Amino acid sequence: MSTLARSVDAEYLLLGALAMDNKRIDAVADIVEPEDFYEPFFGHVFGCMVSEYSQGRAANPVTLRPI
């Protein structure tokens, strides 16, 4: 488990930043895993973002809406 601080607000901001700039997903995914999120739903969203991006698709609120 990561030693990151547990802050739902920080997790929310991280997901928003990644949605705005998908190029950062690889760098973050090297450090953070879905299980590291305090809020389980945010971990699920992060996992979906990583999956979409790794398949060459955009990871943004429109493309992630079905999750």
Foldseek 3Di string as FASTA:
>chain_A
DDPDDADPVVLVVVLVVCLVPVVCLVVVVVPDALVPHPPNVSSVLSVVSNVQVVVVHRRHCVVSVVD
